[in-house]
Structure formats: structure tokens, C-alpha cells
Amino acid sequence: MALAAAVVALPVLGDHVGVPLLLAAAFVGGVAPDADLLASHRKTLHYPVGFSALSGVSLGAFLLTSSPGLLVLTVAVGAAALHSVSDVLGGSAEREPWNPVTENGVYNHALGRWHRPRRYVRYSGAPEDFLVCLAFAAVAISAGATPAAADTALVGLVAFAGLYSLCRKRLAAIGATLGRLVPRRLRAVVPAVRVTETETDGTTVDIRFGR
């Protein structure tokens, strides 16, 4: 979504900063909130109010100064705001959102409470989630404002999203199967990785070496 919005705005914004930097800011800002998967997902780094307010302030400062750095910051923070706000339209933040037991959509730090998920997209990796990804990628690619390398990268992201959607409900089983395929003699040097998701407290990654 952030990349598509940035591409559509390129005819206006591209005069102030290079296209690659602008697209990189949109991409990094768009994925950054999900770094809290290893903490409390959709709470630790999701700030629907904070990011939105900061992007508004940054945009105002850019309009006054025409600073390229402020434009890059506005795009990055705006992408993070878009991510944080749009999460409320999806499923809940929990281990198996296709079998929901919580009503945690995204945390609002300003109000000190969770917003309930609307579930227009049932969960991350659902078929409709992939269709949303495909639609926004089509907008970005068809705009004709991006270099061929960026379009190729977008196609690669869509392919990854499709693979993720196919495997979403089987990730734990796939990980266990891949672990069993490692030859016994290599298990001393190849780390065993176990990912444990909890209902409300994020994800724990356990990495162990040895047999």
C-alpha cells in the first residue's frame, strides 16, 4: 500500500528527491512496525496515532522548507502510519487468527487500549490478503513511473506474498519437516530454531546448537 501510494505521488514528489530513495523510504517505513513480531505484536512498534501525527508535522515542515530529508522522513513515517492504521481492518494479533480468541486489532497508545479487528481481511496470509497485495502491486507497476528494477522487485514481493499465503497455516509443520531433513551429522553445527507464538505477548525465537 505504501509503495503504491508513493508511486502515485512520484510525479509531484520526484522533483524533490530521487525515486530510489523515495521508494526505499516507503518500503522500509511500511515494513518497520512489524519488527515487533518478537515483542508484543501490533503494540510495541505500532503507533496509529503517533505515526499519523508525526507524519503530519513532518509534512508541514517540508512544505515550509522544501527539505529533501524532511520529505524522506514524511514518506517513511507516513508509510508506518498507513501500516499501523490499516492493521485494524484485518484479523487479530494472535497465534492462529483464523481461529480467533482475542479482539486485539492494533494498540492505540494514545487511548491506552486495543482497537478491535474489523476482519475485512481475515488474517495475514489469507487469500484475500494476497489479492490486496496483488491489487496494490498492479497499481504501482502500471503507473509507469518506476524503473524496471523496481518493477522486478515488486513482482518478486508479490511472488513471495503468494508463497506465504499458500504456506501460512502450515508454517510450523513446514519448519518441523525441514528440521528433520537436516542430516544428523550436521545437527551439531546447524542451529535448531523453534518459534513459539503466544496469544498476546509476541513471538519467542529459541535457537539452539547441538544434537
Protein backbone atom coordinates (compact mmCIF):
# COMPACT_ATOMS: atom_id res chain seq x y z
CA MET A 1 0.00 0.00 0.00
CA ALA A 2 2.78 2.42 0.93
CA LEU A 3 4.72 1.67 -2.24
CA ALA A 4 1.63 2.16 -4.39
CA ALA A 5 0.88 5.49 -2.70
CA ALA A 6 4.49 6.62 -3.17
CA VAL A 7 4.46 5.64 -6.86
CA VAL A 8 1.23 7.53 -7.48
CA ALA A 9 2.75 10.60 -5.79
CA LEU A 10 6.03 10.38 -7.70
CA PRO A 11 5.11 12.98 -10.36
CA VAL A 12 4.87 15.55 -7.56
CA LEU A 13 7.44 14.28 -5.07
CA GLY A 14 10.05 13.11 -7.57
CA ASP A 15 11.20 16.68 -8.20
CA HIS A 16 12.43 16.95 -4.61
CA VAL A 17 14.19 13.63 -4.02
CA GLY A 18 15.43 10.69 -6.08
CA VAL A 19 12.96 7.95 -6.98
CA PRO A 20 15.01 5.06 -5.47
CA LEU A 21 15.33 6.87 -2.13
CA LEU A 22 11.64 7.71 -2.07
CA LEU A 23 10.61 4.12 -2.79
CA ALA A 24 13.09 2.80 -0.22
CA ALA A 25 11.63 5.13 2.41
CA ALA A 26 8.11 3.92 1.62
CA PHE A 27 9.15 0.27 1.78
CA VAL A 28 11.22 0.50 4.98
CA GLY A 29 8.60 2.63 6.72
CA GLY A 30 5.88 0.25 5.61
CA VAL A 31 7.50 -2.91 7.00
CA ALA A 32 9.19 -1.39 10.08
CA PRO A 33 6.23 -1.71 12.51
CA ASP A 34 6.23 -5.49 12.12
CA ALA A 35 9.66 -5.68 13.75
CA ASP A 36 7.63 -6.03 16.95
CA LEU A 37 6.78 -9.61 15.99
CA LEU A 38 9.49 -10.51 18.51
CA ALA A 39 7.90 -8.37 21.21
CA SER A 40 4.20 -7.56 21.57
CA HIS A 41 2.91 -7.63 18.00
CA ARG A 42 0.86 -4.63 16.87
CA LYS A 43 1.65 -2.86 20.13
CA THR A 44 5.37 -2.29 20.68
CA LEU A 45 6.08 -0.57 17.34
CA HIS A 46 2.57 0.14 16.05
CA TYR A 47 1.52 3.75 16.65
CA PRO A 48 -1.58 4.55 14.59
CA VAL A 49 -1.99 7.94 16.28
CA GLY A 50 1.65 8.77 16.92
CA PHE A 51 2.89 7.97 13.42
CA SER A 52 -0.04 9.81 11.83
CA ALA A 53 0.59 12.93 13.91
CA LEU A 54 4.33 12.83 13.28
CA SER A 55 3.87 12.43 9.53
CA GLY A 56 1.53 15.45 9.53
CA VAL A 57 4.06 17.57 11.41
CA SER A 58 6.87 16.40 9.12
CA LEU A 59 4.79 17.19 6.03
CA GLY A 60 4.08 20.68 7.32
CA ALA A 61 7.78 21.24 7.96
CA PHE A 62 8.61 20.04 4.45
CA LEU A 63 6.09 22.39 2.88
CA LEU A 64 7.74 25.27 4.73
CA THR A 65 11.35 24.31 3.99
CA SER A 66 11.29 22.06 0.88
CA SER A 67 13.94 19.94 2.62
CA PRO A 68 14.53 16.57 0.84
CA GLY A 69 15.38 14.98 4.18
CA LEU A 70 12.03 16.00 5.64
CA LEU A 71 10.27 14.58 2.58
CA VAL A 72 12.00 11.22 3.01
CA LEU A 73 11.06 11.26 6.71
CA THR A 74 7.46 12.14 5.85
CA VAL A 75 7.20 9.25 3.40
CA ALA A 76 8.77 6.74 5.82
CA VAL A 77 6.67 7.79 8.83
CA GLY A 78 3.55 8.09 6.68
CA ALA A 79 4.10 4.52 5.46
CA ALA A 80 4.43 3.33 9.07
CA ALA A 81 1.23 5.19 9.92
CA LEU A 82 -0.59 3.59 6.99
CA HIS A 83 0.58 0.17 8.14
CA SER A 84 -0.48 0.75 11.75
CA VAL A 85 -3.90 2.17 10.88
CA SER A 86 -4.73 -0.42 8.22
CA ASP A 87 -3.99 -3.33 10.59
CA VAL A 88 -7.30 -2.66 12.31
CA LEU A 89 -9.03 -3.68 9.07
CA GLY A 90 -7.51 -7.16 9.26
CA GLY A 91 -7.64 -10.02 11.73
CA SER A 92 -6.49 -10.20 15.32
CA ALA A 93 -2.89 -10.26 16.55
CA GLU A 94 -2.57 -13.81 17.84
CA ARG A 95 -1.16 -17.24 17.11
CA GLU A 96 -3.97 -18.51 14.89
CA PRO A 97 -6.05 -15.53 13.76
CA TRP A 98 -8.18 -17.84 11.60
CA ASN A 99 -9.42 -19.30 14.94
CA PRO A 100 -9.66 -16.02 16.88
CA VAL A 101 -9.80 -15.95 20.66
CA THR A 102 -8.89 -12.27 21.16
CA GLU A 103 -10.15 -8.92 19.90
CA ASN A 104 -6.73 -7.29 19.59
CA GLY A 105 -6.55 -5.49 16.26
CA VAL A 106 -3.97 -2.77 16.87
CA TYR A 107 -2.96 -1.00 20.07
CA ASN A 108 -3.71 2.70 20.47
CA HIS A 109 -1.07 4.17 22.79
CA ALA A 110 -2.89 7.50 22.94
CA LEU A 111 -6.02 5.88 24.39
CA GLY A 112 -4.22 3.05 26.17
CA ARG A 113 -6.35 0.30 24.68
CA TRP A 114 -6.68 -2.11 21.77
CA HIS A 115 -8.91 -1.41 18.78
CA ARG A 116 -10.93 -4.45 17.75
CA PRO A 117 -10.10 -6.05 14.39
CA ARG A 118 -12.66 -5.47 11.64
CA ARG A 119 -11.58 -8.65 9.79
CA TYR A 120 -12.28 -7.37 6.28
CA VAL A 121 -9.11 -9.36 5.66
CA ARG A 122 -9.44 -12.34 7.98
CA TYR A 123 -5.74 -12.76 8.77
CA SER A 124 -2.26 -12.10 7.43
CA GLY A 125 -1.69 -14.56 4.59
CA ALA A 126 -5.38 -15.16 3.87
CA PRO A 127 -6.34 -15.44 0.18
CA GLU A 128 -7.94 -12.00 0.26
CA ASP A 129 -4.74 -10.62 1.82
CA PHE A 130 -2.83 -11.80 -1.24
CA LEU A 131 -5.44 -10.24 -3.54
CA VAL A 132 -5.00 -6.89 -1.76
CA CYS A 133 -1.23 -7.22 -2.24
CA LEU A 134 -1.72 -8.06 -5.91
CA ALA A 135 -4.03 -5.09 -6.47
CA PHE A 136 -1.67 -2.52 -4.94
CA ALA A 137 1.33 -4.02 -6.74
CA ALA A 138 -0.60 -3.70 -10.01
CA VAL A 139 -1.23 -0.02 -9.25
CA ALA A 140 2.47 0.56 -8.59
CA ILE A 141 3.68 -1.31 -11.67
CA SER A 142 1.08 0.05 -14.10
CA ALA A 143 1.80 3.66 -13.07
CA GLY A 144 4.85 3.60 -15.33
CA ALA A 145 6.77 5.94 -13.03
CA THR A 146 9.21 3.40 -11.61
CA PRO A 147 12.40 1.95 -13.13
CA ALA A 148 12.43 -1.62 -14.40
CA ALA A 149 14.45 -2.78 -11.38
CA ALA A 150 11.73 -1.54 -9.02
CA ASP A 151 9.03 -3.31 -11.03
CA THR A 152 11.06 -6.53 -10.93
CA ALA A 153 11.41 -6.19 -7.16
CA LEU A 154 7.64 -5.68 -6.84
CA VAL A 155 6.97 -8.82 -8.87
CA GLY A 156 9.32 -10.69 -6.55
CA LEU A 157 7.47 -9.36 -3.49
CA VAL A 158 4.15 -10.48 -4.98
CA ALA A 159 5.59 -13.95 -5.61
CA PHE A 160 6.80 -14.11 -2.01
CA ALA A 161 3.37 -12.98 -0.77
CA GLY A 162 1.73 -15.71 -2.82
CA LEU A 163 4.06 -18.37 -1.36
CA TYR A 164 3.41 -17.03 2.14
CA SER A 165 -0.36 -17.25 1.58
CA LEU A 166 -0.05 -20.85 0.42
CA CYS A 167 2.03 -21.82 3.48
CA ARG A 168 0.54 -19.57 6.16
CA LYS A 169 -1.38 -22.19 8.11
CA ARG A 170 1.38 -24.79 7.71
CA LEU A 171 4.45 -22.78 8.72
CA ALA A 172 5.02 -24.70 11.96
CA ALA A 173 4.68 -28.07 10.23
CA ILE A 174 6.95 -26.99 7.37
CA GLY A 175 9.61 -25.84 9.83
CA ALA A 176 9.50 -29.15 11.69
CA THR A 177 9.75 -31.10 8.44
CA LEU A 178 12.74 -29.09 7.24
CA GLY A 179 14.43 -29.66 10.58
CA ARG A 180 14.09 -33.42 10.20
CA LEU A 181 15.68 -33.26 6.76
CA VAL A 182 18.97 -31.95 8.17
CA PRO A 183 21.43 -34.89 8.33
CA ARG A 184 22.25 -35.97 11.87
CA ARG A 185 25.96 -35.22 11.43
CA LEU A 186 25.14 -31.61 10.61
CA ARG A 187 22.84 -31.01 13.55
CA ALA A 188 25.80 -30.09 15.75
CA VAL A 189 26.65 -27.11 13.55
CA VAL A 190 23.26 -26.22 12.10
CA PRO A 191 21.15 -24.38 14.69
CA ALA A 192 17.73 -25.69 15.58
CA VAL A 193 15.24 -22.85 15.51
CA ARG A 194 11.95 -23.04 17.35
CA VAL A 195 9.42 -20.24 17.04
CA THR A 196 6.72 -20.01 19.70
CA GLU A 197 3.82 -17.61 19.24
CA THR A 198 1.71 -16.58 22.21
CA GLU A 199 -1.74 -15.12 22.21
CA THR A 200 -0.80 -11.65 23.46
CA ASP A 201 2.94 -11.42 24.20
CA GLY A 202 4.51 -11.73 20.78
CA THR A 203 6.89 -14.35 19.44
CA THR A 204 9.77 -16.18 21.11
CA VAL A 205 12.59 -17.49 18.91
CA ASP A 206 14.65 -20.30 20.51
CA ILE A 207 17.93 -21.02 18.66
CA ARG A 208 19.99 -23.97 19.86
CA PHE A 209 23.15 -25.62 18.58
CA GLY A 210 23.96 -29.26 19.15
CA ARG A 211 22.36 -32.62 18.73
